[in-house]
Structure formats: structure tokens, C-alpha cells
Amino acid sequence: MKKNLLVMAGLLCAAGAFAQGTIRFDNRVTGTSTAAVVAPIYGEDPNNRFYPLGEKHGNAATGPTTPIPQGTQTYAGAPLTGAGFTASLWAREAGTQNPFVQAATTPFRTTTSTTLYGFWTIPNTAVALPNVASDPTKRADILIRVWDNKGGTITSWDQLYDAATGAPNLANASVARGWADVFTETDQLGGGVVLSPTLRGLQSFQLFELVVPEPSVIALGVLGAGCLFLLRRRK
């Protein structure tokens, strides 16, 4: 009987180890020396809202909560707060060129405590990654994307970028967005008896808007192209 129980326990552990991996979707984890991550997300720089100057990455030296690890970046924008901003977690198996797959979204905290500025609302449970297993031989590449959801009208990243081509949707070019540098999770993903790791490796970034040519510039470009075409026809 004991032997059968041991076999069943082993099978359950094996099944759990290779199920969907899980990870803690939290950008403020303190009180631990091995899994700490403090990476607040910042709003647009009021003096440099547009790409490329408006795009910044990397932890600052100071922040609402001291960043972990501390960095050297500076941010002029305010740390994000409130449900008007959405954070999303995307993953793919490390070492591959597979497309990133979205695993979860969450709004930012609404709070009066300055120590919580720049941090999103933590889901009640660890997030399962649909495309990466909890396997001791596999790791996950992690990508965090954040956008201004415009009062709940921008509900997905696909409204900002075409899912098939990656081309920006110019109709929503004025919607603030940003993303973290991709990092590889160094620990095995959670599953079975394995605890869910943190987003160790995540660093801060700020939101920005795309630059869209003015209608007059577009018109002049079309006119110029038309003139060149006519000149070539005459020759």
C-alpha cells in the first residue's frame, strides 16, 4: 500500500512539474534577498512625450520605494497610479523566437501612499503562462507592457499594434504606452511543489506616445511623389 502511495505521489509531482508554469505578477517584492524586485513604472515625461526621446528604460537610483537593483536612470514623469493604466504580462520559452503570448493583465494601484506609486495591483493568485511549462530544463522570457487604457476603451495591446505585423495603429498613436526590456526568468516556473518565482530581472520604464506626421506633411509628401511620377512620365 505504501509503495503504491509513493508511486502515485511521484506521478503527481511529475505531472505538476510539467504543467503550465506560474509566476508572481508583482513589480514590488521586498523583504527577500534572493527574489526582491522593485521596479516602479512611470508616466510620460511632460517635456519629451514622444518616441524616441520619450522612451526610457532602467531602474533609477531612488523612487517611491528604493529600486532593486538600484540604477542610474532618471525619470521626469510621475509614477503611475490608478485603474486608468493597464499592465500586462507576456511570455515565451527562452531560447526560442516564438511569439510572446499574453498571460494576464491588471490595473495599477489606486492609493494615497507614496510608497505604492508606480506599482500595479497584484493578482490574487500566481499567473499561469500558457506557453511555458514548469520544467527544470526550461526558462521563460518575460515581457511587461503597459498602456493608458483611456477610461477602459483601450482594452488590449492589439488596439495599439497589429497582432500579425506588429505595425502601430496610427489611429491610437496618441495613446501612451511602454514596455520593459525583455528578461529571462532565472528560476524554474512554479508548479506542483515548486513555488512561483518573482519577476526578478524586471526594471523600470516610462510611457511615451508615437510621433505622427501632421496632415499637411502627409499631403506635401503625396504631392511631391505625384510630381516626380509626372516628370518621369514626360521624360
C-alpha atoms as a PDB file:
ATOM      1  CA  MET A   1       0.000   0.000   0.000  1.00  0.00           C
ATOM      2  CA  LYS A   2       2.783   2.395   0.955  1.00  0.00           C
ATOM      3  CA  LYS A   3       4.584   1.572  -2.263  1.00  0.00           C
ATOM      4  CA  ASN A   4       1.506   2.413  -4.311  1.00  0.00           C
ATOM      5  CA  LEU A   5       1.105   5.716  -2.477  1.00  0.00           C
ATOM      6  CA  LEU A   6       4.716   6.629  -3.168  1.00  0.00           C
ATOM      7  CA  VAL A   7       4.298   5.823  -6.859  1.00  0.00           C
ATOM      8  CA  MET A   8       1.142   7.932  -7.060  1.00  0.00           C
ATOM      9  CA  ALA A   9       2.849  10.815  -5.260  1.00  0.00           C
ATOM     10  CA  GLY A  10       5.754  10.633  -7.697  1.00  0.00           C
ATOM     11  CA  LEU A  11       3.421  10.667 -10.673  1.00  0.00           C
ATOM     12  CA  LEU A  12       1.547  13.672  -9.296  1.00  0.00           C
ATOM     13  CA  CYS A  13       4.779  15.574  -8.728  1.00  0.00           C
ATOM     14  CA  ALA A  14       5.968  14.742 -12.240  1.00  0.00           C
ATOM     15  CA  ALA A  15       2.672  15.873 -13.740  1.00  0.00           C
ATOM     16  CA  GLY A  16       2.768  19.086 -11.728  1.00  0.00           C
ATOM     17  CA  ALA A  17       6.346  19.812 -12.729  1.00  0.00           C
ATOM     18  CA  PHE A  18       5.493  19.864 -16.424  1.00  0.00           C
ATOM     19  CA  ALA A  19       2.170  21.669 -16.235  1.00  0.00           C
ATOM     20  CA  GLN A  20       1.810  25.335 -17.147  1.00  0.00           C
ATOM     21  CA  GLY A  21       4.410  27.320 -15.262  1.00  0.00           C
ATOM     22  CA  THR A  22       3.331  30.072 -12.888  1.00  0.00           C
ATOM     23  CA  ILE A  23       4.950  33.351 -11.852  1.00  0.00           C
ATOM     24  CA  ARG A  24       4.209  36.164  -9.388  1.00  0.00           C
ATOM     25  CA  PHE A  25       2.899  39.155 -11.339  1.00  0.00           C
ATOM     26  CA  ASP A  26       4.240  41.805  -8.949  1.00  0.00           C
ATOM     27  CA  ASN A  27       6.714  44.657  -9.516  1.00  0.00           C
ATOM     28  CA  ARG A  28       7.221  45.395  -5.813  1.00  0.00           C
ATOM     29  CA  VAL A  29       8.617  42.458  -3.847  1.00  0.00           C
ATOM     30  CA  THR A  30      10.675  43.377  -0.790  1.00  0.00           C
ATOM     31  CA  GLY A  31      11.913  41.626   2.330  1.00  0.00           C
ATOM     32  CA  THR A  32      13.868  38.958   0.489  1.00  0.00           C
ATOM     33  CA  SER A  33      17.468  38.973  -0.650  1.00  0.00           C
ATOM     34  CA  THR A  34      17.072  36.324  -3.348  1.00  0.00           C
ATOM     35  CA  ALA A  35      13.817  37.281  -5.076  1.00  0.00           C
ATOM     36  CA  ALA A  36      13.428  41.029  -4.475  1.00  0.00           C
ATOM     37  CA  VAL A  37      12.298  43.269  -7.323  1.00  0.00           C
ATOM     38  CA  VAL A  38      11.236  46.917  -7.058  1.00  0.00           C
ATOM     39  CA  ALA A  39      10.594  48.466 -10.471  1.00  0.00           C
ATOM     40  CA  PRO A  40       8.017  51.287 -10.490  1.00  0.00           C
ATOM     41  CA  ILE A  41       6.567  52.282 -13.862  1.00  0.00           C
ATOM     42  CA  TYR A  42       6.497  55.946 -14.856  1.00  0.00           C
ATOM     43  CA  GLY A  43       4.162  58.123 -16.877  1.00  0.00           C
ATOM     44  CA  GLU A  44       5.176  60.339 -19.774  1.00  0.00           C
ATOM     45  CA  ASP A  45       7.928  62.908 -19.458  1.00  0.00           C
ATOM     46  CA  PRO A  46       5.992  66.193 -19.889  1.00  0.00           C
ATOM     47  CA  ASN A  47       8.923  67.668 -21.816  1.00  0.00           C
ATOM     48  CA  ASN A  48       9.586  64.624 -24.018  1.00  0.00           C
ATOM     49  CA  ARG A  49       6.331  62.784 -24.560  1.00  0.00           C
ATOM     50  CA  PHE A  50       7.056  61.357 -27.979  1.00  0.00           C
ATOM     51  CA  TYR A  51       9.159  58.494 -29.318  1.00  0.00           C
ATOM     52  CA  PRO A  52      12.142  58.190 -29.414  1.00  0.00           C
ATOM     53  CA  LEU A  53      13.134  60.717 -26.716  1.00  0.00           C
ATOM     54  CA  GLY A  54      10.150  59.749 -24.601  1.00  0.00           C
ATOM     55  CA  GLU A  55      11.171  56.102 -24.388  1.00  0.00           C
ATOM     56  CA  LYS A  56      13.320  55.255 -21.360  1.00  0.00           C
ATOM     57  CA  HIS A  57      14.317  52.036 -19.624  1.00  0.00           C
ATOM     58  CA  GLY A  58      16.233  51.101 -16.490  1.00  0.00           C
ATOM     59  CA  ASN A  59      15.946  51.484 -12.733  1.00  0.00           C
ATOM     60  CA  ALA A  60      16.505  54.845 -11.102  1.00  0.00           C
ATOM     61  CA  ALA A  61      18.728  55.465  -8.095  1.00  0.00           C
ATOM     62  CA  THR A  62      15.739  56.453  -5.981  1.00  0.00           C
ATOM     63  CA  GLY A  63      11.979  56.147  -6.204  1.00  0.00           C
ATOM     64  CA  PRO A  64       8.723  55.801  -4.268  1.00  0.00           C
ATOM     65  CA  THR A  65      10.353  52.672  -2.885  1.00  0.00           C
ATOM     66  CA  THR A  66      14.117  52.339  -3.429  1.00  0.00           C
ATOM     67  CA  PRO A  67      14.512  50.358  -6.684  1.00  0.00           C
ATOM     68  CA  ILE A  68      16.001  46.874  -6.554  1.00  0.00           C
ATOM     69  CA  PRO A  69      18.521  46.786  -8.043  1.00  0.00           C
ATOM     70  CA  GLN A  70      19.353  50.483  -7.871  1.00  0.00           C
ATOM     71  CA  GLY A  71      20.201  52.067 -11.196  1.00  0.00           C
ATOM     72  CA  THR A  72      21.196  55.387 -12.715  1.00  0.00           C
ATOM     73  CA  GLN A  73      18.210  56.270 -14.927  1.00  0.00           C
ATOM     74  CA  THR A  74      16.232  59.474 -14.300  1.00  0.00           C
ATOM     75  CA  TYR A  75      12.505  59.960 -14.899  1.00  0.00           C
ATOM     76  CA  ALA A  76      10.625  63.248 -15.163  1.00  0.00           C
ATOM     77  CA  GLY A  77       7.211  61.607 -15.400  1.00  0.00           C
ATOM     78  CA  ALA A  78       5.173  60.707 -12.322  1.00  0.00           C
ATOM     79  CA  PRO A  79       4.919  57.079 -11.176  1.00  0.00           C
ATOM     80  CA  LEU A  80       1.679  55.555 -12.465  1.00  0.00           C
ATOM     81  CA  THR A  81      -1.358  55.200 -10.229  1.00  0.00           C
ATOM     82  CA  GLY A  82      -4.985  54.285 -10.778  1.00  0.00           C
ATOM     83  CA  ALA A  83      -7.124  51.942 -12.821  1.00  0.00           C
ATOM     84  CA  GLY A  84      -6.668  54.128 -15.909  1.00  0.00           C
ATOM     85  CA  PHE A  85      -3.425  52.278 -16.671  1.00  0.00           C
ATOM     86  CA  THR A  86      -3.143  48.588 -17.543  1.00  0.00           C
ATOM     87  CA  ALA A  87      -0.113  46.338 -17.016  1.00  0.00           C
ATOM     88  CA  SER A  88       0.178  43.108 -18.990  1.00  0.00           C
ATOM     89  CA  LEU A  89       2.443  40.082 -18.678  1.00  0.00           C
ATOM     90  CA  TRP A  90       3.688  38.256 -21.788  1.00  0.00           C
ATOM     91  CA  ALA A  91       5.957  35.222 -22.076  1.00  0.00           C
ATOM     92  CA  ARG A  92       7.653  32.811 -24.440  1.00  0.00           C
ATOM     93  CA  GLU A  93      10.002  29.881 -23.920  1.00  0.00           C
ATOM     94  CA  ALA A  94      13.553  31.180 -23.507  1.00  0.00           C
ATOM     95  CA  GLY A  95      15.973  30.355 -26.298  1.00  0.00           C
ATOM     96  CA  THR A  96      13.254  30.451 -28.956  1.00  0.00           C
ATOM     97  CA  GLN A  97      11.900  33.063 -31.346  1.00  0.00           C
ATOM     98  CA  ASN A  98       8.312  32.091 -30.586  1.00  0.00           C
ATOM     99  CA  PRO A  99       5.832  34.959 -30.351  1.00  0.00           C
ATOM    100  CA  PHE A 100       5.140  36.361 -26.907  1.00  0.00           C
ATOM    101  CA  VAL A 101       1.761  35.267 -25.540  1.00  0.00           C
ATOM    102  CA  GLN A 102      -0.209  37.376 -23.099  1.00  0.00           C
ATOM    103  CA  ALA A 103      -0.823  35.655 -19.763  1.00  0.00           C
ATOM    104  CA  ALA A 104      -2.524  38.338 -17.661  1.00  0.00           C
ATOM    105  CA  THR A 105      -3.493  41.995 -17.270  1.00  0.00           C
ATOM    106  CA  THR A 106      -4.039  44.090 -14.149  1.00  0.00           C
ATOM    107  CA  PRO A 107      -4.709  47.765 -13.349  1.00  0.00           C
ATOM    108  CA  PHE A 108      -2.377  49.955 -11.337  1.00  0.00           C
ATOM    109  CA  ARG A 109      -2.909  50.598  -7.650  1.00  0.00           C
ATOM    110  CA  THR A 110      -5.190  53.405  -6.561  1.00  0.00           C
ATOM    111  CA  THR A 111      -3.666  54.597  -3.298  1.00  0.00           C
ATOM    112  CA  THR A 112      -2.660  57.665  -1.321  1.00  0.00           C
ATOM    113  CA  SER A 113       0.562  56.068  -0.078  1.00  0.00           C
ATOM    114  CA  THR A 114       3.570  57.403  -1.992  1.00  0.00           C
ATOM    115  CA  THR A 115       5.448  54.160  -1.353  1.00  0.00           C
ATOM    116  CA  LEU A 116       2.946  52.411  -3.636  1.00  0.00           C
ATOM    117  CA  TYR A 117       3.130  54.839  -6.564  1.00  0.00           C
ATOM    118  CA  GLY A 118       4.227  53.168  -9.770  1.00  0.00           C
ATOM    119  CA  PHE A 119       3.099  49.655  -8.839  1.00  0.00           C
ATOM    120  CA  TRP A 120       0.237  47.638 -10.267  1.00  0.00           C
ATOM    121  CA  THR A 121      -2.443  45.702  -8.409  1.00  0.00           C
ATOM    122  CA  ILE A 122      -1.185  42.217  -7.558  1.00  0.00           C
ATOM    123  CA  PRO A 123      -3.446  39.377  -8.781  1.00  0.00           C
ATOM    124  CA  ASN A 124      -4.804  37.140  -6.023  1.00  0.00           C
ATOM    125  CA  THR A 125      -3.017  34.098  -7.424  1.00  0.00           C
ATOM    126  CA  ALA A 126       0.163  33.469  -9.375  1.00  0.00           C
ATOM    127  CA  VAL A 127      -0.245  33.824 -13.139  1.00  0.00           C
ATOM    128  CA  ALA A 128      -0.067  30.702 -15.321  1.00  0.00           C
ATOM    129  CA  LEU A 129       1.958  31.042 -18.514  1.00  0.00           C
ATOM    130  CA  PRO A 130       0.067  29.137 -21.230  1.00  0.00           C
ATOM    131  CA  ASN A 131       3.132  28.563 -23.405  1.00  0.00           C
ATOM    132  CA  VAL A 132       5.912  27.720 -20.908  1.00  0.00           C
ATOM    133  CA  ALA A 133       5.919  24.650 -18.660  1.00  0.00           C
ATOM    134  CA  SER A 134       7.184  24.323 -15.110  1.00  0.00           C
ATOM    135  CA  ASP A 135      10.164  22.248 -16.167  1.00  0.00           C
ATOM    136  CA  PRO A 136      13.631  22.314 -14.526  1.00  0.00           C
ATOM    137  CA  THR A 137      15.202  22.382 -18.013  1.00  0.00           C
ATOM    138  CA  LYS A 138      13.142  25.335 -19.329  1.00  0.00           C
ATOM    139  CA  ARG A 139      13.021  29.049 -18.596  1.00  0.00           C
ATOM    140  CA  ALA A 140      10.749  31.868 -19.717  1.00  0.00           C
ATOM    141  CA  ASP A 141      11.449  35.153 -21.470  1.00  0.00           C
ATOM    142  CA  ILE A 142       9.264  37.786 -19.832  1.00  0.00           C
ATOM    143  CA  LEU A 143       7.902  40.991 -21.362  1.00  0.00           C
ATOM    144  CA  ILE A 144       5.867  43.580 -19.457  1.00  0.00           C
ATOM    145  CA  ARG A 145       3.748  46.028 -21.455  1.00  0.00           C
ATOM    146  CA  VAL A 146       1.770  48.954 -20.025  1.00  0.00           C
ATOM    147  CA  TRP A 147      -0.674  51.386 -21.611  1.00  0.00           C
ATOM    148  CA  ASP A 148      -3.146  54.137 -20.814  1.00  0.00           C
ATOM    149  CA  ASN A 149      -6.493  52.396 -21.238  1.00  0.00           C
ATOM    150  CA  LYS A 150      -8.340  55.674 -21.848  1.00  0.00           C
ATOM    151  CA  GLY A 151     -11.067  55.017 -19.339  1.00  0.00           C
ATOM    152  CA  GLY A 152     -11.441  51.373 -20.308  1.00  0.00           C
ATOM    153  CA  THR A 153     -11.756  51.953 -24.061  1.00  0.00           C
ATOM    154  CA  ILE A 154      -8.295  50.552 -24.899  1.00  0.00           C
ATOM    155  CA  THR A 155      -8.715  47.036 -23.599  1.00  0.00           C
ATOM    156  CA  SER A 156      -5.866  45.240 -25.376  1.00  0.00           C
ATOM    157  CA  TRP A 157      -2.400  45.739 -26.816  1.00  0.00           C
ATOM    158  CA  ASP A 158      -3.801  44.733 -30.205  1.00  0.00           C
ATOM    159  CA  GLN A 159      -5.558  48.103 -30.332  1.00  0.00           C
ATOM    160  CA  LEU A 160      -2.115  49.740 -30.352  1.00  0.00           C
ATOM    161  CA  TYR A 161      -0.180  47.313 -32.562  1.00  0.00           C
ATOM    162  CA  ASP A 162      -1.349  44.869 -35.221  1.00  0.00           C
ATOM    163  CA  ALA A 163      -1.031  41.360 -33.806  1.00  0.00           C
ATOM    164  CA  ALA A 164       0.119  39.867 -37.119  1.00  0.00           C
ATOM    165  CA  THR A 165       2.564  42.501 -38.381  1.00  0.00           C
ATOM    166  CA  GLY A 166       3.486  44.459 -35.266  1.00  0.00           C
ATOM    167  CA  ALA A 167       2.747  47.698 -37.119  1.00  0.00           C
ATOM    168  CA  PRO A 168       1.411  50.530 -34.934  1.00  0.00           C
ATOM    169  CA  ASN A 169      -2.225  51.523 -35.192  1.00  0.00           C
ATOM    170  CA  LEU A 170      -1.881  55.193 -36.099  1.00  0.00           C
ATOM    171  CA  ALA A 171      -5.452  55.896 -35.048  1.00  0.00           C
ATOM    172  CA  ASN A 172      -4.295  55.290 -31.460  1.00  0.00           C
ATOM    173  CA  ALA A 173      -0.849  56.864 -31.823  1.00  0.00           C
ATOM    174  CA  SER A 174      -1.615  59.381 -29.061  1.00  0.00           C
ATOM    175  CA  VAL A 175      -2.280  56.625 -26.503  1.00  0.00           C
ATOM    176  CA  ALA A 176       0.617  56.449 -24.042  1.00  0.00           C
ATOM    177  CA  ARG A 177       2.346  53.078 -23.931  1.00  0.00           C
ATOM    178  CA  GLY A 178       5.641  51.474 -22.939  1.00  0.00           C
ATOM    179  CA  TRP A 179       7.367  48.192 -22.272  1.00  0.00           C
ATOM    180  CA  ALA A 180      10.182  46.736 -20.240  1.00  0.00           C
ATOM    181  CA  ASP A 181      13.375  45.308 -21.650  1.00  0.00           C
ATOM    182  CA  VAL A 182      12.829  41.576 -22.162  1.00  0.00           C
ATOM    183  CA  PHE A 183      14.468  39.486 -19.453  1.00  0.00           C
ATOM    184  CA  THR A 184      14.839  35.755 -18.865  1.00  0.00           C
ATOM    185  CA  GLU A 185      13.432  34.355 -15.640  1.00  0.00           C
ATOM    186  CA  THR A 186      16.405  32.648 -13.999  1.00  0.00           C
ATOM    187  CA  ASP A 187      14.355  30.287 -11.821  1.00  0.00           C
ATOM    188  CA  GLN A 188      12.095  27.400 -12.736  1.00  0.00           C
ATOM    189  CA  LEU A 189       8.491  28.478 -13.065  1.00  0.00           C
ATOM    190  CA  GLY A 190       6.084  27.451 -10.343  1.00  0.00           C
ATOM    191  CA  GLY A 191       4.077  24.245 -10.486  1.00  0.00           C
ATOM    192  CA  GLY A 192       3.470  21.250  -8.256  1.00  0.00           C
ATOM    193  CA  VAL A 193       5.804  21.606  -5.265  1.00  0.00           C
ATOM    194  CA  VAL A 194       7.817  24.364  -6.969  1.00  0.00           C
ATOM    195  CA  LEU A 195       6.970  27.868  -5.734  1.00  0.00           C
ATOM    196  CA  SER A 196       6.216  30.618  -8.249  1.00  0.00           C
ATOM    197  CA  PRO A 197       9.249  32.868  -8.788  1.00  0.00           C
ATOM    198  CA  THR A 198       9.145  36.660  -8.831  1.00  0.00           C
ATOM    199  CA  LEU A 199       9.790  38.960 -11.790  1.00  0.00           C
ATOM    200  CA  ARG A 200      13.438  39.247 -10.812  1.00  0.00           C
ATOM    201  CA  GLY A 201      15.147  40.944 -13.741  1.00  0.00           C
ATOM    202  CA  LEU A 202      12.338  43.429 -14.380  1.00  0.00           C
ATOM    203  CA  GLN A 203      13.385  47.096 -14.463  1.00  0.00           C
ATOM    204  CA  SER A 204      11.518  50.384 -14.674  1.00  0.00           C
ATOM    205  CA  PHE A 205      10.453  52.165 -17.863  1.00  0.00           C
ATOM    206  CA  GLN A 206       8.285  55.121 -18.825  1.00  0.00           C
ATOM    207  CA  LEU A 207       5.357  55.601 -21.171  1.00  0.00           C
ATOM    208  CA  PHE A 208       5.513  57.594 -24.394  1.00  0.00           C
ATOM    209  CA  GLU A 209       3.422  58.458 -27.440  1.00  0.00           C
ATOM    210  CA  LEU A 210       4.170  57.863 -31.110  1.00  0.00           C
ATOM    211  CA  VAL A 211       5.034  60.731 -33.440  1.00  0.00           C
ATOM    212  CA  VAL A 212       2.550  61.011 -36.298  1.00  0.00           C
ATOM    213  CA  PRO A 213       3.194  63.349 -39.249  1.00  0.00           C
ATOM    214  CA  GLU A 214       0.855  66.312 -39.472  1.00  0.00           C
ATOM    215  CA  PRO A 215      -1.808  66.024 -42.234  1.00  0.00           C
ATOM    216  CA  SER A 216      -0.135  68.893 -44.111  1.00  0.00           C
ATOM    217  CA  VAL A 217       3.178  66.997 -44.133  1.00  0.00           C
ATOM    218  CA  ILE A 218       1.467  63.899 -45.475  1.00  0.00           C
ATOM    219  CA  ALA A 219      -0.262  65.949 -48.158  1.00  0.00           C
ATOM    220  CA  LEU A 220       3.015  67.544 -49.222  1.00  0.00           C
ATOM    221  CA  GLY A 221       4.650  64.127 -49.394  1.00  0.00           C
ATOM    222  CA  VAL A 222       1.884  62.770 -51.618  1.00  0.00           C
ATOM    223  CA  LEU A 223       2.016  65.880 -53.816  1.00  0.00           C
ATOM    224  CA  GLY A 224       5.783  65.585 -54.164  1.00  0.00           C
ATOM    225  CA  ALA A 225       5.563  61.912 -55.103  1.00  0.00           C
ATOM    226  CA  GLY A 226       2.903  62.739 -57.689  1.00  0.00           C
ATOM    227  CA  CYS A 227       5.066  65.459 -59.266  1.00  0.00           C
ATOM    228  CA  LEU A 228       8.026  63.089 -59.545  1.00  0.00           C
ATOM    229  CA  PHE A 229       5.800  60.493 -61.197  1.00  0.00           C
ATOM    230  CA  LEU A 230       4.539  63.005 -63.769  1.00  0.00           C
ATOM    231  CA  LEU A 231       8.072  64.230 -64.550  1.00  0.00           C
ATOM    232  CA  ARG A 232       9.215  60.662 -65.189  1.00  0.00           C
ATOM    233  CA  ARG A 233       6.209  60.025 -67.441  1.00  0.00           C
ATOM    234  CA  ARG A 234       7.071  63.118 -69.554  1.00  0.00           C
ATOM    235  CA  LYS A 235      10.686  62.019 -69.941  1.00  0.00           C
END
